[in-house]
């Protein structure tokens, strides 16, 4: 595997999961290690919280492959252009577009919620896959900005009507969707799950300092989703993948928890006060130059490692779909991999950096627009806070 380094440090923890030979074992849910039921809305009359689903249990087949069979996306109504931002901070449309490739972004407003857009995106994926919500076994909500501190995967599961599904959240910032996608394939291969919704959704506008020209120009809000379905191993749509993290880079991109003020509050005898101060999160802090260097170094190496696992070369892929962070990063990575620009998917100009939503949002637009066709091979990669990064070589349907 290629040596994939993040920020250069004396210690780097990385891992790469390998596909193992299928076990081809069938077992009933009575013996399965995962026996999951979903809690419903306590506002629903007659609903017993934690009551087990009444569905007939299906045998779980271990060792199956995974394929993407549906996708969907949803974005807020409010559009903020570069000219709009020029009314707030000292900038211009030309300054932003030349340095980032971004011209517009969408931002939550009014009564809009992140979970609402996640539900809409997931409905699009279900419709394309011609699947009913009751047939979903698992909902993976990839977000760093949930509507609730404890996550919103279960709320999305409830609102979709996925009454037979387990749900949980993944927090991995701009790498979140890739982590969720690979996790879904492992639940299918090792856990016998059959239909899994993977949703990438973020509302980073909640944590942007709109007076900071260096960050407010970059981010937007959106949601995207895919339906991952079990299939025979010969049809496996995940051809290779690669995942990494390097906590030494945390200081380069973060939004830290903080108290109501910056002063240490204590009693006269020096003992800290109790209860603790109410905390919140700071606005996004980013060292743009270091994050850029990290991305253009680490992402090509990760994609090369995933391609090696898949037994493919960069010339074999039909499309390159990167996390939509900055057009300069996208161009630099495609150049290093020698992938021509007409094979690179980018919708960054319209939405900005939507974190975990950026890959499924761009994927959905490319598929519905007729660009990506059945059987196409896509090299995709996410990278961001943590620092975390990873890639996957996938086949559409």
Protein backbone atom coordinates (compact mmCIF):
# COMPACT_ATOMS: atom_id res chain seq x y z
CA UNK A 1 0.00 0.00 0.00
CA UNK A 2 1.25 3.51 -0.77
CA UNK A 3 2.55 5.50 2.16
CA UNK A 4 -0.28 7.99 2.92
CA UNK A 5 0.86 10.70 5.30
CA UNK A 6 -1.12 13.56 6.73
CA UNK A 7 0.64 16.35 8.53
CA UNK A 8 4.21 15.17 9.00
CA UNK A 9 4.69 14.03 12.61
CA UNK A 10 6.65 11.50 14.58
CA UNK A 11 3.61 9.32 15.17
CA UNK A 12 0.88 8.52 12.68
CA UNK A 13 -1.95 6.09 13.26
CA UNK A 14 -3.58 4.71 10.14
CA UNK A 15 -5.41 1.62 9.13
CA UNK A 16 -6.73 -0.08 6.07
CA UNK A 17 -9.50 -2.65 6.13
CA UNK A 18 -9.22 -5.53 3.71
CA UNK A 19 -11.96 -7.55 2.15
CA UNK A 20 -11.94 -11.09 3.42
CA UNK A 21 -13.21 -14.23 1.78
CA UNK A 22 -16.99 -14.61 2.17
CA UNK A 23 -18.11 -17.00 4.88
CA UNK A 24 -21.41 -17.79 3.18
CA UNK A 25 -23.08 -18.64 6.46
CA UNK A 26 -26.79 -18.27 7.11
CA UNK A 27 -28.11 -17.87 10.62
CA UNK A 28 -31.36 -16.79 12.20
CA UNK A 29 -31.72 -13.50 14.03
CA UNK A 30 -32.27 -15.39 17.28
CA UNK A 31 -28.58 -16.23 17.27
CA UNK A 32 -27.33 -13.04 15.63
CA UNK A 33 -25.21 -10.64 17.69
CA UNK A 34 -27.22 -7.67 16.37
CA UNK A 35 -30.85 -7.75 17.51
CA UNK A 36 -31.93 -4.15 17.13
CA UNK A 37 -35.20 -2.33 17.58
CA UNK A 38 -35.97 1.33 17.03
CA UNK A 39 -37.55 3.61 19.59
CA UNK A 40 -40.35 5.77 18.29
CA UNK A 41 -41.72 9.20 19.04
CA UNK A 42 -43.06 9.45 22.57
CA UNK A 43 -45.56 11.96 21.22
CA UNK A 44 -47.34 9.26 19.22
CA UNK A 45 -50.42 8.06 21.06
CA UNK A 46 -50.27 4.39 21.96
CA UNK A 47 -46.61 4.01 21.02
CA UNK A 48 -44.53 2.04 23.50
CA UNK A 49 -40.97 3.34 23.59
CA UNK A 50 -38.47 0.59 22.86
CA UNK A 51 -41.14 -1.85 21.71
CA UNK A 52 -39.70 -4.49 19.38
CA UNK A 53 -40.66 -4.40 15.72
CA UNK A 54 -43.37 -6.83 14.67
CA UNK A 55 -41.64 -7.66 11.39
CA UNK A 56 -40.85 -11.25 10.52
CA UNK A 57 -37.13 -11.81 11.04
CA UNK A 58 -35.07 -12.61 7.96
CA UNK A 59 -32.08 -14.93 7.90
CA UNK A 60 -28.83 -13.00 7.70
CA UNK A 61 -26.39 -14.05 5.01
CA UNK A 62 -22.78 -13.24 5.82
CA UNK A 63 -20.15 -12.43 3.19
CA UNK A 64 -22.32 -10.50 0.75
CA UNK A 65 -21.07 -7.74 -1.49
CA UNK A 66 -22.52 -4.20 -1.58
CA UNK A 67 -23.78 -2.00 -4.36
CA UNK A 68 -25.12 1.54 -4.58
CA UNK A 69 -28.64 1.46 -5.98
CA UNK A 70 -30.12 4.86 -5.11
CA UNK A 71 -29.16 8.41 -4.28
CA UNK A 72 -30.81 11.70 -3.33
CA UNK A 73 -29.98 15.19 -2.14
CA UNK A 74 -31.55 18.30 -0.67
CA UNK A 75 -30.39 21.89 -0.11
CA UNK A 76 -31.78 24.95 1.70
CA UNK A 77 -33.73 27.62 -0.15
CA UNK A 78 -31.59 30.59 0.90
CA UNK A 79 -28.80 31.25 -1.60
CA UNK A 80 -25.87 33.42 -0.51
CA UNK A 81 -23.73 34.69 -3.39
CA UNK A 82 -20.21 36.05 -3.26
CA UNK A 83 -21.68 39.49 -3.88
CA UNK A 84 -23.85 39.04 -0.80
CA UNK A 85 -20.78 38.24 1.29
CA UNK A 86 -19.05 41.33 -0.10
CA UNK A 87 -21.67 43.33 1.79
CA UNK A 88 -20.53 41.75 5.07
CA UNK A 89 -16.75 41.39 4.77
CA UNK A 90 -14.06 42.96 2.63
CA UNK A 91 -14.08 40.65 -0.38
CA UNK A 92 -15.42 40.32 -3.92
CA UNK A 93 -16.82 37.71 -6.25
CA UNK A 94 -13.55 37.64 -8.20
CA UNK A 95 -11.40 37.29 -5.07
CA UNK A 96 -13.44 34.33 -3.78
CA UNK A 97 -13.96 32.52 -7.07
CA UNK A 98 -10.31 32.74 -8.13
CA UNK A 99 -9.04 31.35 -4.80
CA UNK A 100 -11.73 28.74 -4.13
CA UNK A 101 -13.90 28.18 -7.21
CA UNK A 102 -16.99 29.02 -5.13
CA UNK A 103 -19.64 31.47 -6.31
CA UNK A 104 -22.72 30.55 -4.25
CA UNK A 105 -23.66 28.55 -1.19
CA UNK A 106 -26.95 27.52 0.49
CA UNK A 107 -27.64 28.30 4.16
CA UNK A 108 -30.33 27.10 6.59
CA UNK A 109 -32.95 29.72 7.39
CA UNK A 110 -36.35 30.08 9.04
CA UNK A 111 -37.75 26.78 10.28
CA UNK A 112 -35.43 24.63 8.20
CA UNK A 113 -33.57 21.87 10.03
CA UNK A 114 -30.65 19.65 9.12
CA UNK A 115 -32.64 16.50 9.88
CA UNK A 116 -35.40 17.71 7.55
CA UNK A 117 -32.98 17.94 4.64
CA UNK A 118 -31.50 14.57 5.57
CA UNK A 119 -34.98 13.05 5.39
CA UNK A 120 -35.64 14.63 1.99
CA UNK A 121 -32.31 13.35 0.61
CA UNK A 122 -32.98 9.86 1.95
CA UNK A 123 -36.45 9.82 0.38
CA UNK A 124 -34.84 10.53 -2.98
CA UNK A 125 -32.47 7.59 -2.53
CA UNK A 126 -35.31 5.27 -1.54
CA UNK A 127 -37.40 6.35 -4.52
CA UNK A 128 -34.56 5.75 -6.96
CA UNK A 129 -33.85 2.35 -5.40
CA UNK A 130 -37.60 1.52 -5.55
CA UNK A 131 -37.50 0.54 -1.89
CA UNK A 132 -39.97 1.13 0.92
CA UNK A 133 -38.81 2.69 4.20
CA UNK A 134 -39.85 -0.46 6.09
CA UNK A 135 -37.27 -2.45 4.11
CA UNK A 136 -34.32 -0.44 5.45
CA UNK A 137 -32.24 -2.27 8.07
CA UNK A 138 -29.89 0.53 9.10
CA UNK A 139 -29.66 4.33 8.87
CA UNK A 140 -26.18 5.85 9.20
CA UNK A 141 -26.29 9.61 9.72
CA UNK A 142 -22.93 11.21 8.95
CA UNK A 143 -22.81 14.71 10.43
CA UNK A 144 -20.76 16.95 12.69
CA UNK A 145 -23.57 19.48 13.11
CA UNK A 146 -26.67 17.57 14.29
CA UNK A 147 -29.84 19.31 15.42
CA UNK A 148 -29.37 17.63 18.80
CA UNK A 149 -26.18 17.27 20.86
CA UNK A 150 -26.76 13.51 20.98
CA UNK A 151 -27.18 13.20 17.21
CA UNK A 152 -30.18 13.10 14.92
CA UNK A 153 -29.93 9.70 13.23
CA UNK A 154 -32.85 8.30 15.18
CA UNK A 155 -35.01 11.33 14.41
CA UNK A 156 -34.28 10.85 10.71
CA UNK A 157 -35.09 7.14 11.02
CA UNK A 158 -38.39 8.01 12.74
CA UNK A 159 -39.41 10.69 10.24
CA UNK A 160 -38.61 8.44 7.29
CA UNK A 161 -40.76 5.66 8.73
CA UNK A 162 -37.89 3.19 8.84
CA UNK A 163 -39.53 1.33 11.70
CA UNK A 164 -37.45 -1.81 11.19
CA UNK A 165 -34.10 -0.04 11.11
CA UNK A 166 -31.37 0.63 13.62
CA UNK A 167 -29.89 4.15 13.42
CA UNK A 168 -26.77 5.89 14.66
CA UNK A 169 -24.57 8.92 13.93
CA UNK A 170 -20.98 9.15 12.66
CA UNK A 171 -18.90 12.25 13.36
CA UNK A 172 -15.94 12.51 11.02
CA UNK A 173 -16.38 16.00 9.54
CA UNK A 174 -15.69 16.18 5.80
CA UNK A 175 -14.60 12.52 5.74
CA UNK A 176 -17.90 11.48 7.31
CA UNK A 177 -19.65 10.20 4.20
CA UNK A 178 -16.71 8.03 3.13
CA UNK A 179 -16.49 6.59 6.66
CA UNK A 180 -20.25 5.94 6.65
CA UNK A 181 -20.20 4.35 3.21
CA UNK A 182 -17.39 1.95 4.09
CA UNK A 183 -19.04 1.17 7.43
CA UNK A 184 -22.25 0.27 5.60
CA UNK A 185 -20.46 -2.25 3.42
CA UNK A 186 -18.93 -3.85 6.53
CA UNK A 187 -22.36 -4.19 8.17
CA UNK A 188 -23.53 -5.96 5.01
CA UNK A 189 -20.49 -8.22 4.68
CA UNK A 190 -20.05 -9.07 8.37
CA UNK A 191 -23.49 -8.46 9.87
CA UNK A 192 -25.89 -9.67 7.22
CA UNK A 193 -27.68 -6.34 6.78
CA UNK A 194 -29.44 -5.94 3.44
CA UNK A 195 -30.50 -2.30 2.88
CA UNK A 196 -28.61 0.58 4.45
CA UNK A 197 -29.18 4.32 4.08
CA UNK A 198 -25.99 6.38 4.34
CA UNK A 199 -26.72 10.08 4.77
CA UNK A 200 -24.16 12.87 4.71
CA UNK A 201 -25.56 16.15 6.04
CA UNK A 202 -24.03 19.24 7.61
CA UNK A 203 -24.96 22.81 8.49
CA UNK A 204 -21.57 24.40 9.08
CA UNK A 205 -23.16 27.84 8.69
CA UNK A 206 -24.09 27.46 12.38
CA UNK A 207 -20.41 27.56 13.31
CA UNK A 208 -19.05 30.10 10.84
CA UNK A 209 -17.74 33.47 11.92
CA UNK A 210 -19.41 35.62 9.29
CA UNK A 211 -16.90 38.41 9.93
CA UNK A 212 -13.92 36.15 9.12
CA UNK A 213 -13.14 36.43 5.43
CA UNK A 214 -10.90 33.38 5.56
CA UNK A 215 -13.68 30.94 6.51
CA UNK A 216 -17.12 32.47 5.87
CA UNK A 217 -16.61 32.31 2.10
CA UNK A 218 -16.09 28.55 2.12
CA UNK A 219 -19.01 26.78 3.75
CA UNK A 220 -22.60 25.94 2.90
CA UNK A 221 -25.35 23.59 4.11
CA UNK A 222 -26.78 20.51 2.38
CA UNK A 223 -27.67 16.83 2.64
CA UNK A 224 -27.06 13.85 0.38
CA UNK A 225 -27.84 10.16 0.71
CA UNK A 226 -27.22 6.79 -0.92
CA UNK A 227 -28.90 3.41 -0.52
CA UNK A 228 -26.38 0.59 -0.17
CA UNK A 229 -27.80 -2.86 -0.85
CA UNK A 230 -26.49 -6.38 -0.33
CA UNK A 231 -25.61 -8.28 -3.49
CA UNK A 232 -23.68 -11.36 -4.59
CA UNK A 233 -19.94 -10.96 -4.05
CA UNK A 234 -19.37 -11.08 -7.81
CA UNK A 235 -21.36 -7.83 -8.12
CA UNK A 236 -19.61 -6.03 -5.24
CA UNK A 237 -19.59 -2.30 -5.95
CA UNK A 238 -16.89 -1.46 -3.39
CA UNK A 239 -13.68 -2.33 -5.21
CA UNK A 240 -11.16 -0.94 -2.74
CA UNK A 241 -10.83 1.55 0.09
CA UNK A 242 -8.35 3.26 2.39
CA UNK A 243 -8.85 5.15 5.69
CA UNK A 244 -6.54 7.26 7.87
CA UNK A 245 -6.46 9.70 10.77
CA UNK A 246 -3.77 11.90 12.32
CA UNK A 247 -4.70 13.73 15.51
CA UNK A 248 -1.54 15.82 15.32
CA UNK A 249 -3.39 17.91 12.74
CA UNK A 250 -6.33 18.70 15.02
CA UNK A 251 -5.01 22.19 15.72
CA UNK A 252 -5.17 23.05 12.02
CA UNK A 253 -8.97 22.68 11.73
CA UNK A 254 -11.36 22.63 14.66
CA UNK A 255 -14.33 24.12 16.50
CA UNK A 256 -13.62 23.72 20.21
CA UNK A 257 -16.01 23.51 23.14
CA UNK A 258 -15.81 26.63 25.29
CA UNK A 259 -17.46 28.23 28.31
CA UNK A 260 -19.57 31.37 28.50
CA UNK A 261 -16.49 33.49 29.01
CA UNK A 262 -12.74 33.16 28.86
CA UNK A 263 -12.05 33.81 32.53
CA UNK A 264 -11.52 31.01 35.03
CA UNK A 265 -14.32 31.24 37.57
CA UNK A 266 -13.48 29.99 41.08
CA UNK A 267 -14.40 30.47 44.72
CA UNK A 268 -12.40 32.80 46.94
CA UNK A 269 -10.43 29.82 48.25
CA UNK A 270 -9.38 28.88 44.73
CA UNK A 271 -11.67 25.86 44.39
CA UNK A 272 -13.54 25.73 41.07
CA UNK A 273 -17.22 26.63 41.10
CA UNK A 274 -19.89 24.00 40.71
CA UNK A 275 -21.96 23.49 38.63
CA UNK A 276 -19.68 24.01 35.61
CA UNK A 277 -20.23 26.86 33.22
CA UNK A 278 -22.57 26.37 30.31
CA UNK A 279 -20.52 25.46 27.25
CA UNK A 280 -20.91 25.95 23.52
CA UNK A 281 -18.68 25.55 20.48
CA UNK A 282 -16.38 28.13 18.98
CA UNK A 283 -16.62 29.15 15.35
CA UNK A 284 -14.60 27.12 12.87
CA UNK A 285 -10.88 27.80 13.13
CA UNK A 286 -8.75 26.77 10.16
CA UNK A 287 -5.16 27.12 9.00
CA UNK A 288 -5.95 27.17 5.31
CA UNK A 289 -2.38 26.78 4.05
CA UNK A 290 -1.68 23.72 6.19
CA UNK A 291 -4.99 22.08 5.33
CA UNK A 292 -4.29 22.65 1.63
CA UNK A 293 -0.82 21.08 1.91
CA UNK A 294 -2.25 18.13 3.82
CA UNK A 295 -4.99 17.52 1.24
CA UNK A 296 -2.86 17.69 -1.91
CA UNK A 297 -0.27 15.37 -0.34
CA UNK A 298 -2.46 12.80 1.40
CA UNK A 299 -5.51 12.43 -0.85
CA UNK A 300 -3.67 11.24 -3.99
CA UNK A 301 -1.73 8.72 -1.89
CA UNK A 302 -4.94 7.40 -0.36
CA UNK A 303 -6.64 7.05 -3.74
CA UNK A 304 -3.59 5.24 -5.11
CA UNK A 305 -3.72 2.81 -2.17
CA UNK A 306 -7.42 2.13 -2.80
CA UNK A 307 -6.77 1.66 -6.51
CA UNK A 308 -3.99 -0.79 -5.72
CA UNK A 309 -6.36 -2.82 -3.55
CA UNK A 310 -8.90 -2.77 -6.38
CA UNK A 311 -6.26 -3.89 -8.88
CA UNK A 312 -6.86 -0.79 -10.99
CA UNK A 313 -4.85 2.14 -12.30
CA UNK A 314 -6.00 5.76 -12.34
CA UNK A 315 -6.58 5.45 -16.09
CA UNK A 316 -9.19 2.76 -15.38
CA UNK A 317 -11.61 5.01 -13.51
CA UNK A 318 -14.45 6.81 -15.23
CA UNK A 319 -14.86 9.63 -12.70
CA UNK A 320 -12.98 11.36 -9.91
CA UNK A 321 -15.28 12.68 -7.19
CA UNK A 322 -13.55 14.42 -4.30
CA UNK A 323 -14.90 16.18 -1.25
CA UNK A 324 -15.82 19.62 -2.57
CA UNK A 325 -13.57 21.80 -0.41
CA UNK A 326 -11.65 24.00 -2.83
CA UNK A 327 -11.25 23.88 -6.61
CA UNK A 328 -7.51 24.30 -6.27
CA UNK A 329 -7.35 21.12 -4.18
CA UNK A 330 -9.52 19.25 -6.69
CA UNK A 331 -7.30 20.40 -9.57
CA UNK A 332 -4.06 19.55 -7.74
CA UNK A 333 -5.23 16.03 -6.85
CA UNK A 334 -6.50 15.28 -10.36
CA UNK A 335 -3.21 16.52 -11.84
CA UNK A 336 -1.14 14.32 -9.53
CA UNK A 337 -3.26 11.30 -10.47
CA UNK A 338 -3.11 12.31 -14.16
CA UNK A 339 -6.88 12.31 -14.46
CA UNK A 340 -8.17 14.66 -17.21
CA UNK A 341 -10.49 17.47 -16.20
CA UNK A 342 -13.39 16.05 -18.22
CA UNK A 343 -13.43 13.08 -15.80
CA UNK A 344 -13.57 15.26 -12.68
CA UNK A 345 -16.93 15.95 -11.05
CA UNK A 346 -17.31 19.33 -9.35
CA UNK A 347 -20.34 21.32 -8.20
CA UNK A 348 -18.35 23.42 -5.73
CA UNK A 349 -19.25 26.67 -7.50
CA UNK A 350 -22.93 26.28 -6.61
CA UNK A 351 -22.76 25.01 -3.02
CA UNK A 352 -19.34 25.62 -1.46
CA UNK A 353 -17.95 23.19 1.07
CA UNK A 354 -20.90 21.23 2.52
CA UNK A 355 -18.72 18.88 4.60
CA UNK A 356 -20.14 15.33 4.84
CA UNK A 357 -22.85 16.23 2.29
CA UNK A 358 -20.52 17.27 -0.52
CA UNK A 359 -19.77 13.84 -2.05
CA UNK A 360 -23.33 12.42 -2.05
CA UNK A 361 -24.71 15.79 -3.22
CA UNK A 362 -22.34 15.89 -6.21
CA UNK A 363 -22.91 12.18 -6.88
CA UNK A 364 -26.67 12.65 -6.96
CA UNK A 365 -26.47 15.59 -9.35
CA UNK A 366 -24.07 13.74 -11.67
CA UNK A 367 -26.30 10.65 -11.78
CA UNK A 368 -29.56 12.49 -12.25
CA UNK A 369 -27.90 14.71 -14.84
CA UNK A 370 -26.90 11.67 -16.89
CA UNK A 371 -23.17 12.11 -16.41
CA UNK A 372 -22.54 8.98 -14.34
CA UNK A 373 -23.93 5.83 -15.96
CA UNK A 374 -24.58 2.31 -14.66
CA UNK A 375 -21.34 0.35 -14.46
CA UNK A 376 -19.12 3.44 -14.17
CA UNK A 377 -16.18 3.26 -11.78
CA UNK A 378 -15.72 6.23 -9.46
CA UNK A 379 -12.71 7.15 -7.33
CA UNK A 380 -13.94 9.21 -4.40
CA UNK A 381 -12.21 10.67 -1.37
CA UNK A 382 -13.05 12.72 1.71
CA UNK A 383 -10.69 14.70 3.92
CA UNK A 384 -11.00 17.18 6.75
CA UNK A 385 -11.01 17.89 10.46
CA UNK A 386 -9.44 15.42 12.81
CA UNK A 387 -7.45 15.20 10.68
CA UNK A 388 -9.16 12.34 8.87
CA UNK A 389 -9.08 11.23 5.28
CA UNK A 390 -10.04 8.24 3.21
CA UNK A 391 -10.98 7.03 -0.23
CA UNK A 392 -13.16 4.43 -1.90
CA UNK A 393 -13.27 3.00 -5.39
CA UNK A 394 -16.92 2.31 -6.16
CA UNK A 395 -19.04 1.13 -9.05
CA UNK A 396 -22.42 2.73 -9.61
CA UNK A 397 -25.06 -0.02 -9.74
